Amino acid sequence: MAGISATGRISIQVSLSGYSLFSRWYSPDKAFTAPEFQRRYDSVELSLLTPKVALVPDRFFDPARCREALSDVVDLEDGDRVSHVALPEFSAVLVYSLDIGESLSAMLSRTVLLSDGSPSRVLPEMYWLLDSIKLCRDYNKILASYRDGWLHLVIAQGRNLLLANVFRAPDFTTAEYFIFLALKKLQMNPEVSTVCFRTPLEADEEMSLYRYFKSVEQI
């Protein structure tokens, strides 16, 4: 759940249409006056909801072929910059591009500083979803984020990662369809499972999920 902790940690999610803080979405212009962005923090979790991500097993990962690996699964523009971050707990590397046509995340990176004055690092939402698996208490771990027509979905059982993908979903009903389709293919029963969302949910979206899942949590 995006917000500020008592230990000097702030969590911010950025999308094309704005940013999330305290479980609410705000328009980009609000960032210039938000008092929360005028101080330094011990830890800054700055996430961009970019669909340009790919998870590569580390035994197949070649830093020199990052762009090729990402372009195999998503459409890249000529000027898109490609980066990567290791995920040793999954024996994988997340390859990504932050170039999705927005500038807010870069501005916040330079504005919301760490305690030592260094800028915050922007990482893709998929990174933070994978990092949040440990927060799910159930054996079936279903984590999602949804904004601006993109569903970011991670599914695991115990310590086994089964799925990490981004789906084009123009509305929340379509996002639910992809969640249920993935669960059906993995033979997981939503009625005995909890679905965890990192992005804020509207009341009707949460109620819709409760029709199918044992529980709905925001993390």
C-alpha atoms as a PDB file:
ATOM      1  CA  MET A   1       0.000   0.000   0.000  1.00  0.00           C
ATOM      2  CA  ALA A   2       1.679   3.210  -1.108  1.00  0.00           C
ATOM      3  CA  GLY A   3       2.414   5.678   1.663  1.00  0.00           C
ATOM      4  CA  ILE A   4       4.869   6.633   4.414  1.00  0.00           C
ATOM      5  CA  SER A   5       5.968   4.426   7.282  1.00  0.00           C
ATOM      6  CA  ALA A   6       6.977   5.491  10.763  1.00  0.00           C
ATOM      7  CA  THR A   7      10.547   4.399  10.030  1.00  0.00           C
ATOM      8  CA  GLY A   8      11.184   7.001   7.339  1.00  0.00           C
ATOM      9  CA  ARG A   9      10.194   4.950   4.308  1.00  0.00           C
ATOM     10  CA  ILE A  10       7.997   6.204   1.484  1.00  0.00           C
ATOM     11  CA  SER A  11       6.304   4.158  -1.234  1.00  0.00           C
ATOM     12  CA  ILE A  12       5.186   5.850  -4.464  1.00  0.00           C
ATOM     13  CA  GLN A  13       3.683   4.322  -7.606  1.00  0.00           C
ATOM     14  CA  VAL A  14       3.764   6.285 -10.862  1.00  0.00           C
ATOM     15  CA  SER A  15       1.720   5.671 -13.996  1.00  0.00           C
ATOM     16  CA  LEU A  16       1.039   7.615 -17.177  1.00  0.00           C
ATOM     17  CA  SER A  17      -1.956   9.318 -15.589  1.00  0.00           C
ATOM     18  CA  GLY A  18      -0.519  10.212 -12.169  1.00  0.00           C
ATOM     19  CA  TYR A  19       0.832   8.767  -8.958  1.00  0.00           C
ATOM     20  CA  SER A  20      -0.370   6.814  -5.936  1.00  0.00           C
ATOM     21  CA  LEU A  21       0.206   7.800  -2.302  1.00  0.00           C
ATOM     22  CA  PHE A  22      -1.797   6.837   0.789  1.00  0.00           C
ATOM     23  CA  SER A  23      -3.926   4.435  -1.310  1.00  0.00           C
ATOM     24  CA  ARG A  24      -5.180   7.226  -3.577  1.00  0.00           C
ATOM     25  CA  TRP A  25      -4.359   8.282  -7.117  1.00  0.00           C
ATOM     26  CA  TYR A  26      -3.400  11.889  -7.770  1.00  0.00           C
ATOM     27  CA  SER A  27      -2.911  13.823 -10.999  1.00  0.00           C
ATOM     28  CA  PRO A  28       0.719  14.578 -11.933  1.00  0.00           C
ATOM     29  CA  ASP A  29       0.417  18.310 -11.124  1.00  0.00           C
ATOM     30  CA  LYS A  30      -0.268  17.509  -7.451  1.00  0.00           C
ATOM     31  CA  ALA A  31       3.289  16.188  -7.112  1.00  0.00           C
ATOM     32  CA  PHE A  32       4.741  19.697  -7.284  1.00  0.00           C
ATOM     33  CA  THR A  33       2.952  20.793  -4.113  1.00  0.00           C
ATOM     34  CA  ALA A  34       2.847  17.535  -2.117  1.00  0.00           C
ATOM     35  CA  PRO A  35       4.620  18.157   1.233  1.00  0.00           C
ATOM     36  CA  GLU A  36       5.586  14.465   1.424  1.00  0.00           C
ATOM     37  CA  PHE A  37       7.976  15.018  -1.473  1.00  0.00           C
ATOM     38  CA  GLN A  38       9.851  17.871   0.202  1.00  0.00           C
ATOM     39  CA  ARG A  39      11.847  15.784   2.703  1.00  0.00           C
ATOM     40  CA  ARG A  40      14.402  12.988   2.761  1.00  0.00           C
ATOM     41  CA  TYR A  41      13.808   9.345   3.649  1.00  0.00           C
ATOM     42  CA  ASP A  42      15.793   6.365   4.871  1.00  0.00           C
ATOM     43  CA  SER A  43      14.195   4.274   2.140  1.00  0.00           C
ATOM     44  CA  VAL A  44      12.303   5.233  -1.014  1.00  0.00           C
ATOM     45  CA  GLU A  45      10.260   2.717  -3.008  1.00  0.00           C
ATOM     46  CA  LEU A  46       9.652   4.424  -6.337  1.00  0.00           C
ATOM     47  CA  SER A  47       7.754   2.284  -8.823  1.00  0.00           C
ATOM     48  CA  LEU A  48       6.803   2.924 -12.437  1.00  0.00           C
ATOM     49  CA  LEU A  49       3.965   0.886 -13.907  1.00  0.00           C
ATOM     50  CA  THR A  50       5.753   0.093 -17.135  1.00  0.00           C
ATOM     51  CA  PRO A  51       4.522  -2.838 -19.244  1.00  0.00           C
ATOM     52  CA  LYS A  52       7.982  -3.094 -20.827  1.00  0.00           C
ATOM     53  CA  VAL A  53       9.354  -5.894 -18.660  1.00  0.00           C
ATOM     54  CA  ALA A  54      10.661  -9.435 -19.124  1.00  0.00           C
ATOM     55  CA  LEU A  55      11.893 -11.972 -16.576  1.00  0.00           C
ATOM     56  CA  VAL A  56      14.915 -13.912 -17.813  1.00  0.00           C
ATOM     57  CA  PRO A  57      16.398 -16.975 -16.012  1.00  0.00           C
ATOM     58  CA  ASP A  58      19.866 -15.921 -14.876  1.00  0.00           C
ATOM     59  CA  ARG A  59      21.531 -18.890 -16.590  1.00  0.00           C
ATOM     60  CA  PHE A  60      20.303 -17.517 -19.935  1.00  0.00           C
ATOM     61  CA  PHE A  61      20.936 -13.852 -19.189  1.00  0.00           C
ATOM     62  CA  ASP A  62      23.524 -11.964 -21.217  1.00  0.00           C
ATOM     63  CA  PRO A  63      23.943  -8.257 -20.290  1.00  0.00           C
ATOM     64  CA  ALA A  64      25.048  -7.503 -23.840  1.00  0.00           C
ATOM     65  CA  ARG A  65      21.733  -8.812 -25.190  1.00  0.00           C
ATOM     66  CA  CYS A  66      19.342  -7.040 -22.792  1.00  0.00           C
ATOM     67  CA  ARG A  67      17.597  -5.095 -25.525  1.00  0.00           C
ATOM     68  CA  GLU A  68      17.169  -8.184 -27.665  1.00  0.00           C
ATOM     69  CA  ALA A  69      15.731 -10.136 -24.731  1.00  0.00           C
ATOM     70  CA  LEU A  70      13.173  -7.410 -23.992  1.00  0.00           C
ATOM     71  CA  SER A  71      12.266  -6.760 -27.634  1.00  0.00           C
ATOM     72  CA  ASP A  72      11.396 -10.451 -27.975  1.00  0.00           C
ATOM     73  CA  VAL A  73       8.371  -9.952 -25.721  1.00  0.00           C
ATOM     74  CA  VAL A  74       7.412  -6.233 -25.930  1.00  0.00           C
ATOM     75  CA  ASP A  75       7.429  -3.500 -28.561  1.00  0.00           C
ATOM     76  CA  LEU A  76      10.316  -1.086 -28.050  1.00  0.00           C
ATOM     77  CA  GLU A  77      10.791   2.336 -29.620  1.00  0.00           C
ATOM     78  CA  ASP A  78      14.189   3.140 -31.098  1.00  0.00           C
ATOM     79  CA  GLY A  79      15.041   5.515 -28.271  1.00  0.00           C
ATOM     80  CA  ASP A  80      13.895   3.289 -25.399  1.00  0.00           C
ATOM     81  CA  ARG A  81      16.628   2.711 -22.828  1.00  0.00           C
ATOM     82  CA  VAL A  82      16.853  -0.817 -21.439  1.00  0.00           C
ATOM     83  CA  SER A  83      18.062  -1.689 -17.941  1.00  0.00           C
ATOM     84  CA  HIS A  84      18.093  -4.778 -15.746  1.00  0.00           C
ATOM     85  CA  VAL A  85      18.048  -5.749 -12.074  1.00  0.00           C
ATOM     86  CA  ALA A  86      18.981  -9.101 -10.546  1.00  0.00           C
ATOM     87  CA  LEU A  87      16.417 -11.154  -8.612  1.00  0.00           C
ATOM     88  CA  PRO A  88      18.599 -13.848  -7.018  1.00  0.00           C
ATOM     89  CA  GLU A  89      15.716 -15.236  -4.947  1.00  0.00           C
ATOM     90  CA  PHE A  90      14.114 -16.312  -8.229  1.00  0.00           C
ATOM     91  CA  SER A  91      17.375 -17.130 -10.032  1.00  0.00           C
ATOM     92  CA  ALA A  92      16.332 -14.553 -12.611  1.00  0.00           C
ATOM     93  CA  VAL A  93      17.014 -11.083 -13.979  1.00  0.00           C
ATOM     94  CA  LEU A  94      14.279  -8.542 -14.656  1.00  0.00           C
ATOM     95  CA  VAL A  95      14.923  -6.665 -17.913  1.00  0.00           C
ATOM     96  CA  TYR A  96      12.919  -3.465 -18.379  1.00  0.00           C
ATOM     97  CA  SER A  97      12.499  -0.048 -19.958  1.00  0.00           C
ATOM     98  CA  LEU A  98      11.155   2.977 -18.095  1.00  0.00           C
ATOM     99  CA  ASP A  99      10.447   4.873 -21.315  1.00  0.00           C
ATOM    100  CA  ILE A 100       6.656   4.922 -21.536  1.00  0.00           C
ATOM    101  CA  GLY A 101       6.059   8.594 -22.356  1.00  0.00           C
ATOM    102  CA  GLU A 102       6.014  10.156 -18.897  1.00  0.00           C
ATOM    103  CA  SER A 103       8.473  12.295 -16.942  1.00  0.00           C
ATOM    104  CA  LEU A 104       6.996  12.271 -13.428  1.00  0.00           C
ATOM    105  CA  SER A 105       9.027   9.285 -12.237  1.00  0.00           C
ATOM    106  CA  ALA A 106      12.302  10.954 -13.237  1.00  0.00           C
ATOM    107  CA  MET A 107      11.241  14.179 -11.520  1.00  0.00           C
ATOM    108  CA  LEU A 108      10.354  12.331  -8.313  1.00  0.00           C
ATOM    109  CA  SER A 109      13.652  10.458  -8.444  1.00  0.00           C
ATOM    110  CA  ARG A 110      15.487  13.789  -8.271  1.00  0.00           C
ATOM    111  CA  THR A 111      13.085  15.331  -5.751  1.00  0.00           C
ATOM    112  CA  VAL A 112      12.353  12.587  -3.208  1.00  0.00           C
ATOM    113  CA  LEU A 113      15.864  12.033  -1.896  1.00  0.00           C
ATOM    114  CA  LEU A 114      17.426   9.479   0.401  1.00  0.00           C
ATOM    115  CA  SER A 115      18.837  10.528   3.762  1.00  0.00           C
ATOM    116  CA  ASP A 116      22.332  10.926   2.297  1.00  0.00           C
ATOM    117  CA  GLY A 117      21.015  13.255  -0.406  1.00  0.00           C
ATOM    118  CA  SER A 118      21.268  10.737  -3.236  1.00  0.00           C
ATOM    119  CA  PRO A 119      18.408  10.425  -5.759  1.00  0.00           C
ATOM    120  CA  SER A 120      15.876   7.615  -5.542  1.00  0.00           C
ATOM    121  CA  ARG A 121      16.062   4.722  -7.972  1.00  0.00           C
ATOM    122  CA  VAL A 122      13.038   4.105 -10.171  1.00  0.00           C
ATOM    123  CA  LEU A 123      12.212   0.424 -10.636  1.00  0.00           C
ATOM    124  CA  PRO A 124       9.349  -1.210 -12.553  1.00  0.00           C
ATOM    125  CA  GLU A 125       6.178  -2.206 -10.736  1.00  0.00           C
ATOM    126  CA  MET A 126       6.928  -5.840 -11.608  1.00  0.00           C
ATOM    127  CA  TYR A 127      10.050  -5.681  -9.422  1.00  0.00           C
ATOM    128  CA  TRP A 128       8.022  -4.561  -6.410  1.00  0.00           C
ATOM    129  CA  LEU A 129       5.292  -7.139  -7.046  1.00  0.00           C
ATOM    130  CA  LEU A 130       7.907  -9.880  -6.985  1.00  0.00           C
ATOM    131  CA  ASP A 131       9.459  -8.354  -3.877  1.00  0.00           C
ATOM    132  CA  SER A 132       6.031  -8.350  -2.197  1.00  0.00           C
ATOM    133  CA  ILE A 133       5.472 -12.103  -2.564  1.00  0.00           C
ATOM    134  CA  LYS A 134       6.915 -12.510   0.922  1.00  0.00           C
ATOM    135  CA  LEU A 135       4.082 -10.356   2.311  1.00  0.00           C
ATOM    136  CA  CYS A 136       1.406 -12.844   1.193  1.00  0.00           C
ATOM    137  CA  ARG A 137       0.669 -15.301   3.973  1.00  0.00           C
ATOM    138  CA  ASP A 138      -1.294 -17.884   1.973  1.00  0.00           C
ATOM    139  CA  TYR A 139       0.290 -20.771   0.094  1.00  0.00           C
ATOM    140  CA  ASN A 140      -1.371 -19.496  -3.090  1.00  0.00           C
ATOM    141  CA  LYS A 141       0.177 -16.066  -3.643  1.00  0.00           C
ATOM    142  CA  ILE A 142      -1.667 -13.861  -6.150  1.00  0.00           C
ATOM    143  CA  LEU A 143      -0.421 -10.295  -6.500  1.00  0.00           C
ATOM    144  CA  ALA A 144      -1.592  -7.673  -8.965  1.00  0.00           C
ATOM    145  CA  SER A 145      -1.480  -4.007  -9.896  1.00  0.00           C
ATOM    146  CA  TYR A 146      -3.831  -2.316 -12.345  1.00  0.00           C
ATOM    147  CA  ARG A 147      -3.735   1.142 -13.875  1.00  0.00           C
ATOM    148  CA  ASP A 148      -4.080   2.820 -17.275  1.00  0.00           C
ATOM    149  CA  GLY A 149      -5.197  -0.330 -19.035  1.00  0.00           C
ATOM    150  CA  TRP A 150      -2.386  -2.623 -17.864  1.00  0.00           C
ATOM    151  CA  LEU A 151      -2.626  -5.532 -15.440  1.00  0.00           C
ATOM    152  CA  HIS A 152       0.635  -6.529 -13.757  1.00  0.00           C
ATOM    153  CA  LEU A 153       0.237 -10.038 -12.361  1.00  0.00           C
ATOM    154  CA  VAL A 154       2.427 -12.345 -10.263  1.00  0.00           C
ATOM    155  CA  ILE A 155       1.384 -15.802  -9.063  1.00  0.00           C
ATOM    156  CA  ALA A 156       3.356 -18.171  -6.849  1.00  0.00           C
ATOM    157  CA  GLN A 157       2.766 -21.241  -4.723  1.00  0.00           C
ATOM    158  CA  GLY A 158       4.932 -21.371  -1.660  1.00  0.00           C
ATOM    159  CA  ARG A 159       8.404 -20.391  -2.882  1.00  0.00           C
ATOM    160  CA  ASN A 160       7.726 -21.415  -6.483  1.00  0.00           C
ATOM    161  CA  LEU A 161       7.118 -18.559  -8.905  1.00  0.00           C
ATOM    162  CA  LEU A 162       4.565 -19.666 -11.502  1.00  0.00           C
ATOM    163  CA  LEU A 163       3.797 -16.489 -13.452  1.00  0.00           C
ATOM    164  CA  ALA A 164       5.052 -12.909 -13.805  1.00  0.00           C
ATOM    165  CA  ASN A 165       3.452 -11.057 -16.700  1.00  0.00           C
ATOM    166  CA  VAL A 166       1.746  -7.865 -17.870  1.00  0.00           C
ATOM    167  CA  PHE A 167      -1.567  -7.980 -19.760  1.00  0.00           C
ATOM    168  CA  ARG A 168      -3.305  -5.300 -21.820  1.00  0.00           C
ATOM    169  CA  ALA A 169      -6.653  -4.806 -20.106  1.00  0.00           C
ATOM    170  CA  PRO A 170      -8.657  -1.716 -21.151  1.00  0.00           C
ATOM    171  CA  ASP A 171     -11.037  -2.075 -18.190  1.00  0.00           C
ATOM    172  CA  PHE A 172     -11.104  -3.790 -14.802  1.00  0.00           C
ATOM    173  CA  THR A 173     -13.467  -6.515 -15.989  1.00  0.00           C
ATOM    174  CA  THR A 174     -10.883  -7.542 -18.577  1.00  0.00           C
ATOM    175  CA  ALA A 175      -8.192  -7.447 -15.885  1.00  0.00           C
ATOM    176  CA  GLU A 176     -10.276  -9.854 -13.796  1.00  0.00           C
ATOM    177  CA  TYR A 177     -10.663 -12.099 -16.843  1.00  0.00           C
ATOM    178  CA  PHE A 178      -6.888 -12.411 -17.202  1.00  0.00           C
ATOM    179  CA  ILE A 179      -6.508 -13.157 -13.490  1.00  0.00           C
ATOM    180  CA  PHE A 180      -9.099 -15.943 -13.644  1.00  0.00           C
ATOM    181  CA  LEU A 181      -7.673 -17.295 -16.899  1.00  0.00           C
ATOM    182  CA  ALA A 182      -4.205 -17.532 -15.332  1.00  0.00           C
ATOM    183  CA  LEU A 183      -5.578 -19.226 -12.219  1.00  0.00           C
ATOM    184  CA  LYS A 184      -7.524 -21.727 -14.340  1.00  0.00           C
ATOM    185  CA  LYS A 185      -4.408 -22.647 -16.334  1.00  0.00           C
ATOM    186  CA  LEU A 186      -2.454 -23.077 -13.113  1.00  0.00           C
ATOM    187  CA  GLN A 187      -5.329 -25.074 -11.566  1.00  0.00           C
ATOM    188  CA  MET A 188      -5.717 -22.706  -8.618  1.00  0.00           C
ATOM    189  CA  ASN A 189      -9.092 -22.097  -6.976  1.00  0.00           C
ATOM    190  CA  PRO A 190      -9.827 -18.395  -6.302  1.00  0.00           C
ATOM    191  CA  GLU A 191     -12.505 -19.338  -3.753  1.00  0.00           C
ATOM    192  CA  VAL A 192      -9.811 -20.543  -1.343  1.00  0.00           C
ATOM    193  CA  SER A 193      -7.262 -17.871  -2.285  1.00  0.00           C
ATOM    194  CA  THR A 194      -6.487 -14.269  -1.353  1.00  0.00           C
ATOM    195  CA  VAL A 195      -5.715 -11.755  -4.082  1.00  0.00           C
ATOM    196  CA  CYS A 196      -3.349  -8.945  -3.073  1.00  0.00           C
ATOM    197  CA  PHE A 197      -3.290  -5.607  -4.908  1.00  0.00           C
ATOM    198  CA  ARG A 198      -0.484  -3.066  -4.678  1.00  0.00           C
ATOM    199  CA  THR A 199      -2.398  -0.349  -6.506  1.00  0.00           C
ATOM    200  CA  PRO A 200      -5.436   1.306  -4.899  1.00  0.00           C
ATOM    201  CA  LEU A 201      -8.776  -0.288  -5.727  1.00  0.00           C
ATOM    202  CA  GLU A 202     -12.059   1.495  -6.292  1.00  0.00           C
ATOM    203  CA  ALA A 203     -14.889   0.294  -4.038  1.00  0.00           C
ATOM    204  CA  ASP A 204     -16.728  -1.413  -6.909  1.00  0.00           C
ATOM    205  CA  GLU A 205     -13.520  -3.137  -8.051  1.00  0.00           C
ATOM    206  CA  GLU A 206     -12.893  -4.506  -4.571  1.00  0.00           C
ATOM    207  CA  MET A 207     -16.480  -5.711  -4.232  1.00  0.00           C
ATOM    208  CA  SER A 208     -16.270  -7.436  -7.619  1.00  0.00           C
ATOM    209  CA  LEU A 209     -13.144  -9.333  -6.527  1.00  0.00           C
ATOM    210  CA  TYR A 210     -14.838 -10.381  -3.277  1.00  0.00           C
ATOM    211  CA  ARG A 211     -17.438 -12.248  -5.345  1.00  0.00           C
ATOM    212  CA  TYR A 212     -14.765 -14.720  -6.420  1.00  0.00           C
ATOM    213  CA  PHE A 213     -11.922 -14.693  -3.890  1.00  0.00           C
ATOM    214  CA  LYS A 214     -11.759 -15.759  -0.266  1.00  0.00           C
ATOM    215  CA  SER A 215     -10.234 -12.402   0.593  1.00  0.00           C
ATOM    216  CA  VAL A 216      -8.932  -9.192  -1.019  1.00  0.00           C
ATOM    217  CA  GLU A 217      -5.962  -7.363   0.501  1.00  0.00           C
ATOM    218  CA  GLN A 218      -4.028  -4.224  -0.344  1.00  0.00           C
ATOM    219  CA  ILE A 219      -0.312  -4.372   0.372  1.00  0.00           C
END
